[in-house]
Amino acid sequence: MTKFIFAATAALFLATPAFAAEQERSFTRDGVTYVYTSTTKGGAQILEGSVKPTGETFRLVVHKGWVSGKAAGSHVSFRVPKPASDRVEVAQR
C-alpha cells in the first residue's frame, strides 16, 4: 500500500507539472493506471481519482509543500516529492 501511495503521488507530480481544473487525466506506471481530476480550492491543489483495475480511490490535498489525504483507505501525509533530475553527472579527472 505504501508503494501505491508514493508511486501515485510522485507520478502525478512528475507527469503533469501544471494541472488543468476539472479535466480528467490518466497515466500508467508499473502496469497500474491512475485516473484523476485536479482542482484548485483556496490555494490548495486537490487530486481525486481511482486506480484501475482495482478501483481503489484516493483524494490528496497539496498545500504549502505538503500532501495529505486518503489513498487506498489509509490516511497519508508527507512532503511533496522533489522532481527527479534529468541531468546526468559525469566524473572528471
N, C-alpha and C. Protein backbone atom coordinates (compact mmCIF):
# COMPACT_ATOMS: atom_id res chain seq x y z
N MET A 1 0.82 -1.18 0.00
CA MET A 1 0.00 0.00 0.00
C MET A 1 0.86 1.25 0.00
N THR A 2 1.94 1.26 0.76
CA THR A 2 2.84 2.41 0.78
C THR A 2 3.42 2.64 -0.60
N LYS A 3 3.75 1.56 -1.28
CA LYS A 3 4.29 1.67 -2.64
C LYS A 3 3.28 2.38 -3.54
N PHE A 4 2.01 2.04 -3.41
CA PHE A 4 0.95 2.68 -4.20
C PHE A 4 0.91 4.17 -3.94
N ILE A 5 0.92 4.55 -2.68
CA ILE A 5 0.77 5.96 -2.30
C ILE A 5 1.91 6.79 -2.87
N PHE A 6 3.15 6.36 -2.66
CA PHE A 6 4.29 7.14 -3.12
C PHE A 6 4.42 7.11 -4.64
N ALA A 7 4.16 5.97 -5.24
CA ALA A 7 4.25 5.88 -6.70
C ALA A 7 3.21 6.77 -7.35
N ALA A 8 2.00 6.74 -6.83
CA ALA A 8 0.94 7.56 -7.40
C ALA A 8 1.24 9.04 -7.26
N THR A 9 1.64 9.45 -6.08
CA THR A 9 1.90 10.87 -5.84
C THR A 9 3.07 11.36 -6.66
N ALA A 10 4.17 10.62 -6.65
CA ALA A 10 5.34 11.04 -7.42
C ALA A 10 5.00 11.12 -8.91
N ALA A 11 4.29 10.13 -9.39
CA ALA A 11 3.94 10.14 -10.80
C ALA A 11 2.99 11.28 -11.15
N LEU A 12 2.07 11.61 -10.26
CA LEU A 12 1.17 12.73 -10.51
C LEU A 12 1.93 14.03 -10.68
N PHE A 13 2.91 14.25 -9.82
CA PHE A 13 3.66 15.50 -9.90
C PHE A 13 4.63 15.51 -11.06
N LEU A 14 5.19 14.38 -11.40
CA LEU A 14 6.15 14.33 -12.49
C LEU A 14 5.47 14.29 -13.85
N ALA A 15 4.29 13.70 -13.92
CA ALA A 15 3.61 13.55 -15.20
C ALA A 15 3.00 14.86 -15.69
N THR A 16 2.51 15.69 -14.78
CA THR A 16 1.85 16.93 -15.19
C THR A 16 2.24 18.06 -14.25
N PRO A 17 3.26 18.82 -14.59
CA PRO A 17 3.69 19.90 -13.71
C PRO A 17 2.65 21.00 -13.54
N ALA A 18 1.82 21.24 -14.55
CA ALA A 18 0.76 22.25 -14.43
C ALA A 18 -0.58 21.54 -14.63
N PHE A 19 -1.43 21.56 -13.62
CA PHE A 19 -2.70 20.85 -13.68
C PHE A 19 -3.80 21.75 -14.23
N ALA A 20 -4.68 21.19 -15.01
CA ALA A 20 -5.85 21.92 -15.50
C ALA A 20 -7.04 21.55 -14.61
N ALA A 21 -7.87 22.51 -14.33
CA ALA A 21 -9.00 22.28 -13.43
C ALA A 21 -10.04 21.37 -14.08
N GLU A 22 -10.55 20.41 -13.31
CA GLU A 22 -11.66 19.54 -13.68
C GLU A 22 -11.47 18.74 -14.97
N GLN A 23 -10.30 18.61 -15.47
CA GLN A 23 -10.07 17.79 -16.64
C GLN A 23 -9.56 16.43 -16.18
N GLU A 24 -10.24 15.37 -16.62
CA GLU A 24 -9.80 14.03 -16.21
C GLU A 24 -8.52 13.67 -16.94
N ARG A 25 -7.57 13.17 -16.18
CA ARG A 25 -6.28 12.77 -16.73
C ARG A 25 -5.99 11.34 -16.30
N SER A 26 -5.07 10.71 -17.00
CA SER A 26 -4.66 9.37 -16.60
C SER A 26 -3.21 9.13 -17.00
N PHE A 27 -2.59 8.21 -16.32
CA PHE A 27 -1.24 7.78 -16.66
C PHE A 27 -1.06 6.36 -16.14
N THR A 28 -0.07 5.67 -16.68
CA THR A 28 0.23 4.30 -16.26
C THR A 28 1.66 4.24 -15.76
N ARG A 29 1.84 3.61 -14.61
CA ARG A 29 3.16 3.43 -14.03
C ARG A 29 3.23 2.03 -13.46
N ASP A 30 4.27 1.30 -13.82
CA ASP A 30 4.47 -0.08 -13.36
C ASP A 30 3.24 -0.95 -13.63
N GLY A 31 2.58 -0.72 -14.77
CA GLY A 31 1.44 -1.53 -15.16
C GLY A 31 0.13 -1.16 -14.48
N VAL A 32 0.12 -0.13 -13.67
CA VAL A 32 -1.08 0.32 -12.96
C VAL A 32 -1.52 1.65 -13.56
N THR A 33 -2.81 1.78 -13.88
CA THR A 33 -3.34 3.01 -14.46
C THR A 33 -4.04 3.83 -13.38
N TYR A 34 -3.71 5.12 -13.33
CA TYR A 34 -4.31 6.06 -12.39
C TYR A 34 -5.13 7.06 -13.19
N VAL A 35 -6.39 7.25 -12.80
CA VAL A 35 -7.28 8.21 -13.44
C VAL A 35 -7.67 9.22 -12.37
N TYR A 36 -7.54 10.53 -12.67
CA TYR A 36 -7.79 11.53 -11.64
C TYR A 36 -8.22 12.86 -12.24
N THR A 37 -8.78 13.70 -11.38
CA THR A 37 -9.07 15.08 -11.72
C THR A 37 -8.31 15.96 -10.74
N SER A 38 -8.08 17.19 -11.14
CA SER A 38 -7.35 18.12 -10.31
C SER A 38 -8.11 19.44 -10.28
N THR A 39 -8.31 19.96 -9.07
CA THR A 39 -8.97 21.26 -8.91
C THR A 39 -8.17 22.10 -7.93
N THR A 40 -8.35 23.40 -8.01
CA THR A 40 -7.70 24.31 -7.08
C THR A 40 -8.78 24.93 -6.21
N LYS A 41 -8.54 24.92 -4.90
CA LYS A 41 -9.52 25.48 -3.97
C LYS A 41 -8.78 26.12 -2.81
N GLY A 42 -8.93 27.42 -2.66
CA GLY A 42 -8.31 28.12 -1.54
C GLY A 42 -6.80 27.98 -1.49
N GLY A 43 -6.15 27.99 -2.63
CA GLY A 43 -4.69 27.88 -2.67
C GLY A 43 -4.16 26.46 -2.57
N ALA A 44 -5.05 25.48 -2.49
CA ALA A 44 -4.64 24.07 -2.41
C ALA A 44 -5.01 23.36 -3.71
N GLN A 45 -4.19 22.40 -4.08
CA GLN A 45 -4.44 21.56 -5.25
C GLN A 45 -5.09 20.27 -4.74
N ILE A 46 -6.25 19.90 -5.27
CA ILE A 46 -6.95 18.70 -4.83
C ILE A 46 -6.94 17.69 -5.97
N LEU A 47 -6.39 16.51 -5.70
CA LEU A 47 -6.30 15.44 -6.68
C LEU A 47 -7.22 14.32 -6.22
N GLU A 48 -8.21 13.97 -7.04
CA GLU A 48 -9.15 12.90 -6.71
C GLU A 48 -9.19 11.91 -7.85
N GLY A 49 -9.15 10.63 -7.53
CA GLY A 49 -9.19 9.65 -8.59
C GLY A 49 -9.27 8.23 -8.11
N SER A 50 -8.97 7.32 -9.04
CA SER A 50 -9.02 5.90 -8.73
C SER A 50 -7.93 5.16 -9.48
N VAL A 51 -7.70 3.93 -9.03
CA VAL A 51 -6.68 3.07 -9.60
C VAL A 51 -7.39 1.99 -10.40
N LYS A 52 -6.95 1.77 -11.62
CA LYS A 52 -7.54 0.74 -12.47
C LYS A 52 -6.60 -0.46 -12.52
N PRO A 53 -7.01 -1.65 -12.43
CA PRO A 53 -8.38 -2.15 -12.39
C PRO A 53 -8.92 -2.38 -10.97
N THR A 54 -8.16 -2.06 -9.93
CA THR A 54 -8.58 -2.40 -8.57
C THR A 54 -9.75 -1.56 -8.07
N GLY A 55 -9.88 -0.33 -8.57
CA GLY A 55 -10.96 0.53 -8.12
C GLY A 55 -10.65 1.28 -6.84
N GLU A 56 -9.44 1.10 -6.28
CA GLU A 56 -9.07 1.86 -5.08
C GLU A 56 -9.13 3.35 -5.40
N THR A 57 -9.57 4.15 -4.42
CA THR A 57 -9.70 5.58 -4.65
C THR A 57 -8.68 6.36 -3.83
N PHE A 58 -8.45 7.59 -4.26
CA PHE A 58 -7.57 8.47 -3.49
C PHE A 58 -8.07 9.90 -3.60
N ARG A 59 -7.80 10.67 -2.56
CA ARG A 59 -8.08 12.11 -2.53
C ARG A 59 -6.90 12.74 -1.81
N LEU A 60 -6.12 13.50 -2.53
CA LEU A 60 -4.92 14.11 -1.98
C LEU A 60 -5.03 15.63 -2.08
N VAL A 61 -4.66 16.32 -1.01
CA VAL A 61 -4.66 17.77 -0.98
C VAL A 61 -3.21 18.23 -0.89
N VAL A 62 -2.79 19.04 -1.85
CA VAL A 62 -1.42 19.54 -1.90
C VAL A 62 -1.46 21.02 -1.53
N HIS A 63 -0.75 21.36 -0.44
CA HIS A 63 -0.79 22.74 0.04
C HIS A 63 0.51 23.05 0.78
N LYS A 64 1.15 24.13 0.38
CA LYS A 64 2.38 24.61 1.02
C LYS A 64 3.45 23.51 1.15
N GLY A 65 3.64 22.77 0.07
CA GLY A 65 4.71 21.78 0.05
C GLY A 65 4.39 20.46 0.74
N TRP A 66 3.15 20.26 1.14
CA TRP A 66 2.74 19.02 1.81
C TRP A 66 1.59 18.36 1.07
N VAL A 67 1.56 17.04 1.12
CA VAL A 67 0.47 16.25 0.57
C VAL A 67 -0.21 15.56 1.74
N SER A 68 -1.51 15.67 1.81
CA SER A 68 -2.26 14.95 2.85
C SER A 68 -3.57 14.48 2.25
N GLY A 69 -4.15 13.47 2.85
CA GLY A 69 -5.42 12.96 2.36
C GLY A 69 -5.57 11.49 2.63
N LYS A 70 -6.29 10.83 1.74
CA LYS A 70 -6.58 9.42 1.90
C LYS A 70 -6.30 8.70 0.59
N ALA A 71 -5.57 7.59 0.68
CA ALA A 71 -5.25 6.78 -0.50
C ALA A 71 -5.36 5.32 -0.12
N ALA A 72 -6.10 4.56 -0.92
CA ALA A 72 -6.29 3.12 -0.67
C ALA A 72 -6.80 2.86 0.75
N GLY A 73 -7.64 3.75 1.26
CA GLY A 73 -8.22 3.56 2.59
C GLY A 73 -7.35 3.98 3.75
N SER A 74 -6.18 4.52 3.48
CA SER A 74 -5.26 4.94 4.55
C SER A 74 -5.05 6.45 4.51
N HIS A 75 -4.94 7.04 5.70
CA HIS A 75 -4.61 8.46 5.78
C HIS A 75 -3.12 8.62 5.48
N VAL A 76 -2.78 9.65 4.70
CA VAL A 76 -1.39 9.90 4.33
C VAL A 76 -1.05 11.37 4.55
N SER A 77 0.22 11.63 4.82
CA SER A 77 0.73 12.99 4.95
C SER A 77 2.24 12.94 4.77
N PHE A 78 2.73 13.71 3.79
CA PHE A 78 4.17 13.73 3.51
C PHE A 78 4.50 14.95 2.67
N ARG A 79 5.79 15.28 2.59
CA ARG A 79 6.25 16.40 1.77
C ARG A 79 6.09 16.08 0.30
N VAL A 80 5.88 17.12 -0.50
CA VAL A 80 5.80 16.95 -1.95
C VAL A 80 7.13 16.39 -2.43
N PRO A 81 7.12 15.31 -3.22
CA PRO A 81 8.37 14.74 -3.72
C PRO A 81 9.10 15.72 -4.64
N LYS A 82 10.41 15.73 -4.54
CA LYS A 82 11.21 16.57 -5.44
C LYS A 82 11.29 15.87 -6.79
N PRO A 83 11.19 16.63 -7.88
CA PRO A 83 11.28 16.00 -9.20
C PRO A 83 12.68 15.43 -9.43
N ALA A 84 12.71 14.31 -10.12
CA ALA A 84 13.99 13.68 -10.46
C ALA A 84 14.72 14.55 -11.47
N SER A 85 16.00 14.62 -11.35
CA SER A 85 16.81 15.41 -12.26
C SER A 85 17.02 14.64 -13.56
N ASP A 86 16.85 15.31 -14.67
CA ASP A 86 17.11 14.69 -15.97
C ASP A 86 18.59 14.80 -16.33
N ARG A 87 19.33 15.48 -15.50
CA ARG A 87 20.74 15.73 -15.75
C ARG A 87 21.57 14.50 -15.33
N VAL A 88 22.53 14.18 -16.13
CA VAL A 88 23.45 13.08 -15.81
C VAL A 88 24.78 13.69 -15.41
N GLU A 89 25.25 13.32 -14.23
CA GLU A 89 26.54 13.85 -13.78
C GLU A 89 27.64 12.84 -14.15
N VAL A 90 28.73 13.38 -14.69
CA VAL A 90 29.84 12.54 -15.13
C VAL A 90 31.08 12.96 -14.35
N ALA A 91 31.78 11.98 -13.80
CA ALA A 91 33.01 12.29 -13.07
C ALA A 91 34.11 12.68 -14.05
N GLN A 92 34.92 13.65 -13.64
CA GLN A 92 36.05 14.06 -14.47
C GLN A 92 37.35 13.88 -13.69
N ARG A 93 38.42 13.65 -14.41
CA ARG A 93 39.73 13.51 -13.76
C ARG A 93 40.50 14.78 -13.92
